[in-house]
Amino acid sequence: MTTDVTNIWNQFHKELAGFIARTVENPADQDDILQDVFVKIIHNQNKINQAANLQQYLYGMVRNTINDYFRSQKHNRHSSEIPESLTEEEAQSLNATIADCCIKPFIHQLPGKYKEALLISEFQNMSQKDLAERLRISYSGAKSRVQRGKEKLKALILNCCAYEHDLYGNLIEGEKKSCSC
């Protein structure tokens, strides 16, 4: 018995679409699965022609395609999620990336003495006491410079981006102002 794709479509597409809809909630995904089934039908025309029970064979294809869909969704969901706990090395790497991409451009906009104090103390992990010795200023002067640098950095970031916070101080999403960040 030879069956072409058009005949299969005319005879079974509504029935198969209903079967898919009972299993998959998202209508766009239902359409994608039905399309995948008919692509498989086109590619496996010889096997379909040899099937003893066409309807049973098609439902098997649909079940396998739905299983593939759920398997890929599970894989995609897990691959895009951030793991609940990062190793110390992964956390350090993530922090360094965020600092390089997001924070350093703002630091480079600060006046020279504040930029230098923050880059040395925060990114070279130098204590403020050692910073004072390196810059040949008093320890309290180094602490003040770092603190003022952080305040100026905060002002730059807040002026660039509209960050809002809740009553607990947690950042919540705000409107982004037009800036290069």
N, C-alpha and C. Protein backbone atom coordinates (compact mmCIF):
# COMPACT_ATOMS: atom_id res chain seq x y z
N MET A 1 0.84 -1.18 0.00
CA MET A 1 0.00 0.00 0.00
C MET A 1 0.88 1.24 0.00
N THR A 2 0.77 2.04 -1.00
CA THR A 2 1.54 3.28 -1.06
C THR A 2 0.63 4.45 -0.67
N THR A 3 1.20 5.31 0.15
CA THR A 3 0.47 6.46 0.64
C THR A 3 1.35 7.68 0.48
N ASP A 4 0.84 8.72 -0.11
CA ASP A 4 1.67 9.92 -0.20
C ASP A 4 1.36 10.87 0.96
N VAL A 5 2.22 11.83 1.13
CA VAL A 5 2.15 12.74 2.28
C VAL A 5 0.86 13.55 2.26
N THR A 6 0.41 13.96 1.09
CA THR A 6 -0.82 14.76 1.00
C THR A 6 -2.01 13.96 1.53
N ASN A 7 -2.09 12.68 1.15
CA ASN A 7 -3.19 11.85 1.64
C ASN A 7 -3.11 11.67 3.15
N ILE A 8 -1.91 11.48 3.66
CA ILE A 8 -1.73 11.33 5.11
C ILE A 8 -2.17 12.62 5.80
N TRP A 9 -1.75 13.76 5.26
CA TRP A 9 -2.13 15.05 5.83
C TRP A 9 -3.65 15.19 5.87
N ASN A 10 -4.28 14.96 4.72
CA ASN A 10 -5.73 15.13 4.63
C ASN A 10 -6.47 14.19 5.58
N GLN A 11 -5.94 13.00 5.74
CA GLN A 11 -6.65 11.99 6.52
C GLN A 11 -6.37 12.09 8.03
N PHE A 12 -5.12 12.49 8.40
CA PHE A 12 -4.72 12.34 9.81
C PHE A 12 -4.30 13.62 10.53
N HIS A 13 -4.08 14.73 9.84
CA HIS A 13 -3.45 15.87 10.53
C HIS A 13 -4.30 16.41 11.68
N LYS A 14 -5.61 16.47 11.54
CA LYS A 14 -6.44 16.99 12.64
C LYS A 14 -6.41 16.04 13.83
N GLU A 15 -6.47 14.77 13.54
CA GLU A 15 -6.45 13.76 14.60
C GLU A 15 -5.11 13.79 15.35
N LEU A 16 -4.02 13.88 14.60
CA LEU A 16 -2.69 13.92 15.22
C LEU A 16 -2.49 15.23 15.99
N ALA A 17 -3.00 16.33 15.43
CA ALA A 17 -2.90 17.62 16.12
C ALA A 17 -3.65 17.58 17.45
N GLY A 18 -4.80 16.96 17.47
CA GLY A 18 -5.57 16.81 18.71
C GLY A 18 -4.83 15.98 19.74
N PHE A 19 -4.20 14.91 19.28
CA PHE A 19 -3.42 14.05 20.17
C PHE A 19 -2.25 14.84 20.78
N ILE A 20 -1.59 15.63 19.95
CA ILE A 20 -0.46 16.45 20.42
C ILE A 20 -0.97 17.49 21.43
N ALA A 21 -2.11 18.11 21.13
CA ALA A 21 -2.66 19.16 22.00
C ALA A 21 -3.00 18.63 23.39
N ARG A 22 -3.37 17.37 23.48
CA ARG A 22 -3.68 16.79 24.79
C ARG A 22 -2.42 16.57 25.62
N THR A 23 -1.27 16.56 24.98
CA THR A 23 -0.02 16.28 25.67
C THR A 23 0.83 17.53 25.89
N VAL A 24 0.80 18.47 24.94
CA VAL A 24 1.65 19.66 24.98
C VAL A 24 0.75 20.89 25.09
N GLU A 25 1.03 21.75 26.06
CA GLU A 25 0.17 22.90 26.33
C GLU A 25 0.34 24.05 25.34
N ASN A 26 1.55 24.37 24.99
CA ASN A 26 1.84 25.55 24.17
C ASN A 26 1.43 25.31 22.71
N PRO A 27 0.51 26.13 22.17
CA PRO A 27 0.07 25.94 20.78
C PRO A 27 1.20 26.05 19.76
N ALA A 28 2.16 26.94 19.99
CA ALA A 28 3.29 27.05 19.06
C ALA A 28 4.11 25.77 19.05
N ASP A 29 4.31 25.18 20.23
CA ASP A 29 5.04 23.92 20.32
C ASP A 29 4.25 22.79 19.67
N GLN A 30 2.94 22.83 19.80
CA GLN A 30 2.09 21.81 19.16
C GLN A 30 2.29 21.85 17.65
N ASP A 31 2.29 23.07 17.09
CA ASP A 31 2.50 23.21 15.65
C ASP A 31 3.88 22.73 15.24
N ASP A 32 4.89 23.05 16.06
CA ASP A 32 6.26 22.61 15.76
C ASP A 32 6.35 21.09 15.76
N ILE A 33 5.71 20.47 16.72
CA ILE A 33 5.75 19.00 16.81
C ILE A 33 5.04 18.38 15.62
N LEU A 34 3.89 18.91 15.26
CA LEU A 34 3.17 18.39 14.10
C LEU A 34 4.01 18.54 12.84
N GLN A 35 4.66 19.67 12.71
CA GLN A 35 5.54 19.88 11.56
C GLN A 35 6.69 18.87 11.57
N ASP A 36 7.29 18.66 12.72
CA ASP A 36 8.37 17.67 12.83
C ASP A 36 7.90 16.28 12.44
N VAL A 37 6.67 15.95 12.83
CA VAL A 37 6.11 14.64 12.48
C VAL A 37 6.01 14.51 10.97
N PHE A 38 5.52 15.54 10.31
CA PHE A 38 5.36 15.44 8.86
C PHE A 38 6.69 15.51 8.13
N VAL A 39 7.68 16.15 8.70
CA VAL A 39 9.03 16.07 8.12
C VAL A 39 9.54 14.64 8.21
N LYS A 40 9.29 14.00 9.35
CA LYS A 40 9.68 12.59 9.51
C LYS A 40 8.92 11.70 8.53
N ILE A 41 7.65 12.02 8.31
CA ILE A 41 6.86 11.24 7.35
C ILE A 41 7.46 11.35 5.96
N ILE A 42 7.85 12.56 5.58
CA ILE A 42 8.46 12.76 4.26
C ILE A 42 9.75 11.97 4.15
N HIS A 43 10.59 12.01 5.19
CA HIS A 43 11.88 11.33 5.15
C HIS A 43 11.76 9.81 5.26
N ASN A 44 10.69 9.33 5.84
CA ASN A 44 10.53 7.89 6.06
C ASN A 44 9.39 7.31 5.23
N GLN A 45 9.18 7.84 4.06
CA GLN A 45 8.08 7.40 3.20
C GLN A 45 8.14 5.89 2.93
N ASN A 46 9.33 5.34 2.74
CA ASN A 46 9.45 3.90 2.46
C ASN A 46 8.97 3.07 3.64
N LYS A 47 9.33 3.45 4.85
CA LYS A 47 8.89 2.70 6.04
C LYS A 47 7.38 2.81 6.23
N ILE A 48 6.85 4.00 5.97
CA ILE A 48 5.41 4.21 6.12
C ILE A 48 4.64 3.34 5.12
N ASN A 49 5.15 3.25 3.91
CA ASN A 49 4.49 2.42 2.90
C ASN A 49 4.50 0.94 3.29
N GLN A 50 5.45 0.51 4.11
CA GLN A 50 5.55 -0.89 4.52
C GLN A 50 4.79 -1.17 5.83
N ALA A 51 4.28 -0.13 6.47
CA ALA A 51 3.60 -0.31 7.75
C ALA A 51 2.31 -1.09 7.57
N ALA A 52 2.08 -2.04 8.45
CA ALA A 52 0.85 -2.84 8.39
C ALA A 52 -0.35 -2.01 8.80
N ASN A 53 -0.19 -1.16 9.83
CA ASN A 53 -1.29 -0.32 10.31
C ASN A 53 -0.79 1.12 10.31
N LEU A 54 -1.21 1.89 9.31
CA LEU A 54 -0.73 3.25 9.12
C LEU A 54 -1.02 4.14 10.33
N GLN A 55 -2.24 4.07 10.84
CA GLN A 55 -2.62 4.91 11.97
C GLN A 55 -1.74 4.60 13.19
N GLN A 56 -1.54 3.35 13.49
CA GLN A 56 -0.70 2.95 14.62
C GLN A 56 0.73 3.43 14.42
N TYR A 57 1.24 3.33 13.21
CA TYR A 57 2.61 3.76 12.91
C TYR A 57 2.74 5.28 13.11
N LEU A 58 1.74 6.04 12.64
CA LEU A 58 1.79 7.50 12.78
C LEU A 58 1.73 7.93 14.25
N TYR A 59 0.87 7.28 15.02
CA TYR A 59 0.79 7.60 16.45
C TYR A 59 2.12 7.29 17.15
N GLY A 60 2.78 6.23 16.73
CA GLY A 60 4.10 5.93 17.28
C GLY A 60 5.10 7.04 16.96
N MET A 61 5.03 7.55 15.73
CA MET A 61 5.92 8.66 15.34
C MET A 61 5.63 9.90 16.18
N VAL A 62 4.33 10.16 16.40
CA VAL A 62 3.96 11.34 17.18
C VAL A 62 4.44 11.19 18.62
N ARG A 63 4.24 10.01 19.20
CA ARG A 63 4.71 9.79 20.59
C ARG A 63 6.21 9.99 20.69
N ASN A 64 6.97 9.45 19.74
CA ASN A 64 8.43 9.62 19.76
C ASN A 64 8.82 11.08 19.58
N THR A 65 8.12 11.80 18.73
CA THR A 65 8.44 13.21 18.51
C THR A 65 8.12 14.03 19.75
N ILE A 66 7.02 13.72 20.42
CA ILE A 66 6.68 14.41 21.67
C ILE A 66 7.74 14.12 22.73
N ASN A 67 8.17 12.85 22.82
CA ASN A 67 9.22 12.50 23.77
C ASN A 67 10.50 13.26 23.47
N ASP A 68 10.85 13.38 22.18
CA ASP A 68 12.03 14.15 21.79
C ASP A 68 11.88 15.61 22.20
N TYR A 69 10.67 16.13 22.03
CA TYR A 69 10.40 17.52 22.41
C TYR A 69 10.63 17.73 23.90
N PHE A 70 10.03 16.85 24.73
CA PHE A 70 10.19 17.01 26.17
C PHE A 70 11.64 16.82 26.60
N ARG A 71 12.33 15.90 25.96
CA ARG A 71 13.74 15.68 26.26
C ARG A 71 14.56 16.92 25.93
N SER A 72 14.29 17.53 24.78
CA SER A 72 15.05 18.73 24.40
C SER A 72 14.68 19.91 25.30
N GLN A 73 13.42 20.02 25.71
CA GLN A 73 13.02 21.10 26.62
C GLN A 73 13.71 20.96 27.96
N LYS A 74 13.79 19.74 28.46
CA LYS A 74 14.46 19.49 29.73
C LYS A 74 15.93 19.85 29.62
N HIS A 75 16.55 19.46 28.52
CA HIS A 75 17.97 19.76 28.31
C HIS A 75 18.18 21.26 28.17
N ASN A 76 17.35 21.93 27.38
CA ASN A 76 17.50 23.37 27.18
C ASN A 76 17.26 24.14 28.47
N ARG A 77 16.28 23.73 29.25
CA ARG A 77 15.99 24.43 30.50
C ARG A 77 17.18 24.33 31.45
N HIS A 78 17.75 23.14 31.57
CA HIS A 78 18.86 22.97 32.49
C HIS A 78 20.13 23.63 31.99
N SER A 79 20.33 23.66 30.68
CA SER A 79 21.56 24.25 30.19
C SER A 79 21.56 25.76 30.30
N SER A 80 20.37 26.39 30.34
CA SER A 80 20.34 27.84 30.43
C SER A 80 20.24 28.34 31.87
N GLU A 81 19.96 27.47 32.80
CA GLU A 81 19.85 27.89 34.19
C GLU A 81 21.23 28.03 34.83
N ILE A 82 21.34 28.94 35.76
CA ILE A 82 22.56 29.06 36.53
C ILE A 82 22.46 28.04 37.65
N PRO A 83 23.50 27.26 37.86
CA PRO A 83 23.43 26.27 38.93
C PRO A 83 23.17 26.93 40.28
N GLU A 84 22.51 26.19 41.17
CA GLU A 84 22.17 26.76 42.47
C GLU A 84 23.40 27.12 43.27
N SER A 85 24.45 26.34 43.17
CA SER A 85 25.67 26.68 43.90
C SER A 85 26.86 26.59 42.96
N LEU A 86 27.66 27.63 42.99
CA LEU A 86 28.86 27.69 42.17
C LEU A 86 30.06 27.31 43.04
N THR A 87 31.05 26.72 42.41
CA THR A 87 32.29 26.48 43.14
C THR A 87 32.96 27.83 43.39
N GLU A 88 33.87 27.86 44.29
CA GLU A 88 34.58 29.11 44.61
C GLU A 88 35.27 29.65 43.36
N GLU A 89 35.87 28.76 42.58
CA GLU A 89 36.58 29.17 41.36
C GLU A 89 35.59 29.76 40.34
N GLU A 90 34.42 29.13 40.19
CA GLU A 90 33.41 29.63 39.25
C GLU A 90 32.88 30.98 39.71
N ALA A 91 32.67 31.15 41.00
CA ALA A 91 32.18 32.41 41.53
C ALA A 91 33.20 33.52 41.31
N GLN A 92 34.46 33.22 41.54
CA GLN A 92 35.52 34.21 41.31
C GLN A 92 35.58 34.61 39.84
N SER A 93 35.46 33.63 38.96
CA SER A 93 35.49 33.89 37.53
C SER A 93 34.31 34.74 37.12
N LEU A 94 33.13 34.43 37.63
CA LEU A 94 31.93 35.21 37.32
C LEU A 94 32.07 36.63 37.84
N ASN A 95 32.56 36.79 39.07
CA ASN A 95 32.76 38.12 39.64
C ASN A 95 33.75 38.93 38.81
N ALA A 96 34.83 38.29 38.37
CA ALA A 96 35.83 38.98 37.55
C ALA A 96 35.23 39.43 36.23
N THR A 97 34.43 38.59 35.63
CA THR A 97 33.80 38.93 34.35
C THR A 97 32.85 40.11 34.52
N ILE A 98 32.05 40.08 35.57
CA ILE A 98 31.12 41.18 35.83
C ILE A 98 31.89 42.46 36.09
N ALA A 99 32.95 42.37 36.85
CA ALA A 99 33.76 43.56 37.15
C ALA A 99 34.35 44.14 35.87
N ASP A 100 34.92 43.28 35.02
CA ASP A 100 35.55 43.76 33.79
C ASP A 100 34.53 44.39 32.84
N CYS A 101 33.38 43.76 32.72
CA CYS A 101 32.38 44.23 31.75
C CYS A 101 31.55 45.38 32.26
N CYS A 102 31.21 45.38 33.52
CA CYS A 102 30.21 46.33 34.02
C CYS A 102 30.77 47.42 34.91
N ILE A 103 31.71 47.09 35.76
CA ILE A 103 32.16 48.05 36.78
C ILE A 103 33.35 48.88 36.31
N LYS A 104 34.34 48.23 35.71
CA LYS A 104 35.55 48.96 35.32
C LYS A 104 35.29 50.13 34.38
N PRO A 105 34.38 50.01 33.42
CA PRO A 105 34.13 51.19 32.57
C PRO A 105 33.68 52.42 33.37
N PHE A 106 32.92 52.20 34.42
CA PHE A 106 32.52 53.31 35.27
C PHE A 106 33.70 53.83 36.09
N ILE A 107 34.53 52.94 36.59
CA ILE A 107 35.70 53.36 37.38
C ILE A 107 36.61 54.23 36.53
N HIS A 108 36.75 53.87 35.26
CA HIS A 108 37.64 54.64 34.38
C HIS A 108 37.10 56.05 34.09
N GLN A 109 35.86 56.33 34.45
CA GLN A 109 35.29 57.67 34.29
C GLN A 109 35.56 58.56 35.51
N LEU A 110 36.06 57.97 36.59
CA LEU A 110 36.33 58.73 37.82
C LEU A 110 37.57 59.59 37.66
N PRO A 111 37.68 60.64 38.48
CA PRO A 111 38.92 61.42 38.51
C PRO A 111 40.10 60.51 38.88
N GLY A 112 41.28 60.84 38.40
CA GLY A 112 42.46 60.00 38.50
C GLY A 112 42.76 59.41 39.86
N LYS A 113 42.73 60.23 40.93
CA LYS A 113 43.13 59.70 42.24
C LYS A 113 42.12 58.68 42.76
N TYR A 114 40.83 58.86 42.46
CA TYR A 114 39.83 57.89 42.90
C TYR A 114 39.87 56.62 42.06
N LYS A 115 40.08 56.81 40.77
CA LYS A 115 40.20 55.66 39.87
C LYS A 115 41.36 54.78 40.30
N GLU A 116 42.50 55.40 40.55
CA GLU A 116 43.70 54.65 40.96
C GLU A 116 43.46 53.92 42.28
N ALA A 117 42.87 54.61 43.25
CA ALA A 117 42.64 54.00 44.56
C ALA A 117 41.71 52.80 44.46
N LEU A 118 40.64 52.91 43.69
CA LEU A 118 39.70 51.78 43.55
C LEU A 118 40.30 50.63 42.76
N LEU A 119 40.99 50.94 41.68
CA LEU A 119 41.58 49.86 40.88
C LEU A 119 42.60 49.07 41.69
N ILE A 120 43.42 49.77 42.46
CA ILE A 120 44.45 49.08 43.24
C ILE A 120 43.82 48.32 44.41
N SER A 121 42.94 48.98 45.16
CA SER A 121 42.41 48.32 46.36
C SER A 121 41.43 47.20 46.03
N GLU A 122 40.60 47.40 45.01
CA GLU A 122 39.55 46.41 44.73
C GLU A 122 39.97 45.35 43.71
N PHE A 123 40.77 45.71 42.73
CA PHE A 123 41.08 44.75 41.67
C PHE A 123 42.46 44.12 41.80
N GLN A 124 43.31 44.75 42.58
CA GLN A 124 44.61 44.12 42.87
C GLN A 124 44.62 43.56 44.29
N ASN A 125 43.46 43.62 44.94
CA ASN A 125 43.29 43.09 46.29
C ASN A 125 44.36 43.59 47.26
N MET A 126 44.67 44.86 47.17
CA MET A 126 45.65 45.45 48.07
C MET A 126 44.91 46.07 49.25
N SER A 127 45.43 45.86 50.45
CA SER A 127 44.80 46.44 51.63
C SER A 127 44.95 47.97 51.57
N GLN A 128 44.10 48.65 52.30
CA GLN A 128 44.15 50.11 52.30
C GLN A 128 45.43 50.61 52.98
N LYS A 129 45.94 49.82 53.90
CA LYS A 129 47.21 50.19 54.54
C LYS A 129 48.34 50.14 53.52
N ASP A 130 48.38 49.06 52.73
CA ASP A 130 49.41 48.95 51.68
C ASP A 130 49.19 50.00 50.59
N LEU A 131 47.94 50.32 50.32
CA LEU A 131 47.62 51.37 49.34
C LEU A 131 48.20 52.70 49.81
N ALA A 132 48.04 52.99 51.10
CA ALA A 132 48.57 54.24 51.66
C ALA A 132 50.08 54.32 51.47
N GLU A 133 50.77 53.20 51.73
CA GLU A 133 52.22 53.18 51.56
C GLU A 133 52.59 53.36 50.09
N ARG A 134 51.87 52.70 49.21
CA ARG A 134 52.18 52.77 47.78
C ARG A 134 51.97 54.18 47.24
N LEU A 135 50.88 54.84 47.68
CA LEU A 135 50.57 56.18 47.19
C LEU A 135 51.27 57.28 48.00
N ARG A 136 51.96 56.86 49.07
CA ARG A 136 52.67 57.78 49.96
C ARG A 136 51.71 58.82 50.55
N ILE A 137 50.59 58.29 51.06
CA ILE A 137 49.64 59.14 51.77
C ILE A 137 49.33 58.44 53.09
N SER A 138 48.64 59.15 53.98
CA SER A 138 48.32 58.56 55.28
C SER A 138 47.29 57.44 55.10
N TYR A 139 47.23 56.58 56.12
CA TYR A 139 46.27 55.48 56.10
C TYR A 139 44.85 56.02 56.06
N SER A 140 44.55 57.03 56.87
CA SER A 140 43.19 57.62 56.86
C SER A 140 42.91 58.29 55.52
N GLY A 141 43.94 58.86 54.89
CA GLY A 141 43.77 59.46 53.56
C GLY A 141 43.43 58.40 52.51
N ALA A 142 44.08 57.23 52.61
CA ALA A 142 43.79 56.14 51.68
C ALA A 142 42.37 55.64 51.88
N LYS A 143 41.96 55.47 53.16
CA LYS A 143 40.60 55.02 53.44
C LYS A 143 39.58 56.01 52.88
N SER A 144 39.82 57.30 53.08
CA SER A 144 38.92 58.33 52.58
C SER A 144 38.85 58.32 51.06
N ARG A 145 39.99 58.15 50.42
CA ARG A 145 40.03 58.15 48.96
C ARG A 145 39.24 56.98 48.39
N VAL A 146 39.40 55.81 48.99
CA VAL A 146 38.67 54.63 48.54
C VAL A 146 37.17 54.84 48.77
N GLN A 147 36.82 55.34 49.95
CA GLN A 147 35.41 55.55 50.28
C GLN A 147 34.78 56.58 49.35
N ARG A 148 35.46 57.69 49.11
CA ARG A 148 34.93 58.72 48.20
C ARG A 148 34.84 58.18 46.78
N GLY A 149 35.83 57.39 46.40
CA GLY A 149 35.79 56.76 45.07
C GLY A 149 34.58 55.86 44.91
N LYS A 150 34.27 55.10 45.95
CA LYS A 150 33.09 54.23 45.91
C LYS A 150 31.81 55.05 45.83
N GLU A 151 31.75 56.16 46.55
CA GLU A 151 30.57 57.02 46.50
C GLU A 151 30.40 57.63 45.12
N LYS A 152 31.50 58.09 44.52
CA LYS A 152 31.44 58.66 43.18
C LYS A 152 31.08 57.58 42.15
N LEU A 153 31.59 56.37 42.33
CA LEU A 153 31.25 55.26 41.45
C LEU A 153 29.76 54.94 41.53
N LYS A 154 29.24 54.91 42.75
CA LYS A 154 27.82 54.64 42.94
C LYS A 154 26.99 55.72 42.24
N ALA A 155 27.39 56.96 42.37
CA ALA A 155 26.65 58.06 41.74
C ALA A 155 26.68 57.91 40.21
N LEU A 156 27.82 57.55 39.66
CA LEU A 156 27.92 57.35 38.20
C LEU A 156 26.97 56.25 37.73
N ILE A 157 26.99 55.15 38.46
CA ILE A 157 26.14 54.02 38.06
C ILE A 157 24.67 54.40 38.18
N LEU A 158 24.29 55.04 39.28
CA LEU A 158 22.89 55.42 39.47
C LEU A 158 22.45 56.50 38.48
N ASN A 159 23.36 57.37 38.09
CA ASN A 159 23.01 58.38 37.09
C ASN A 159 22.84 57.76 35.71
N CYS A 160 23.55 56.70 35.46
CA CYS A 160 23.48 56.04 34.15
C CYS A 160 22.25 55.15 34.06
N CYS A 161 22.02 54.37 35.07
CA CYS A 161 20.95 53.37 35.04
C CYS A 161 19.97 53.65 36.16
N ALA A 162 18.71 53.51 35.85
CA ALA A 162 17.65 53.77 36.84
C ALA A 162 17.43 52.51 37.65
N TYR A 163 18.20 52.34 38.70
CA TYR A 163 18.01 51.18 39.56
C TYR A 163 17.11 51.56 40.71
N GLU A 164 16.12 50.75 40.94
CA GLU A 164 15.23 50.96 42.06
C GLU A 164 15.47 49.85 43.07
N HIS A 165 15.12 50.11 44.32
CA HIS A 165 15.27 49.08 45.33
C HIS A 165 14.03 49.02 46.20
N ASP A 166 13.83 47.84 46.78
CA ASP A 166 12.69 47.68 47.67
C ASP A 166 13.05 48.18 49.06
N LEU A 167 12.13 48.07 50.00
CA LEU A 167 12.40 48.61 51.33
C LEU A 167 13.49 47.85 52.07
N TYR A 168 13.89 46.69 51.58
CA TYR A 168 14.98 45.92 52.19
C TYR A 168 16.33 46.24 51.55
N GLY A 169 16.32 47.09 50.52
CA GLY A 169 17.56 47.45 49.85
C GLY A 169 17.92 46.54 48.69
N ASN A 170 17.05 45.59 48.36
CA ASN A 170 17.30 44.70 47.24
C ASN A 170 16.99 45.43 45.94
N LEU A 171 17.88 45.28 44.95
CA LEU A 171 17.66 45.92 43.67
C LEU A 171 16.47 45.29 42.97
N ILE A 172 15.66 46.14 42.37
CA ILE A 172 14.57 45.66 41.53
C ILE A 172 14.74 46.33 40.18
N GLU A 173 14.17 45.73 39.17
CA GLU A 173 14.38 46.21 37.81
C GLU A 173 13.77 47.58 37.63
N GLY A 174 14.51 48.44 36.98
CA GLY A 174 14.03 49.78 36.69
C GLY A 174 14.22 50.07 35.22
N GLU A 175 13.82 51.27 34.80
CA GLU A 175 14.00 51.65 33.41
C GLU A 175 15.46 51.97 33.16
N LYS A 176 15.95 51.58 32.01
CA LYS A 176 17.33 51.87 31.65
C LYS A 176 17.38 53.22 30.97
N LYS A 177 18.25 54.08 31.48
CA LYS A 177 18.43 55.38 30.86
C LYS A 177 19.35 55.21 29.66
N SER A 178 19.38 56.20 28.82
CA SER A 178 20.23 56.08 27.65
C SER A 178 21.68 56.35 28.02
N CYS A 179 22.44 55.30 28.13
CA CYS A 179 23.86 55.40 28.40
C CYS A 179 24.56 54.20 27.78
N SER A 180 25.83 54.13 27.92
CA SER A 180 26.59 53.09 27.24
C SER A 180 26.75 51.82 28.07
N CYS A 181 26.12 51.74 29.22
CA CYS A 181 26.30 50.54 30.05
C CYS A 181 25.37 49.43 29.62
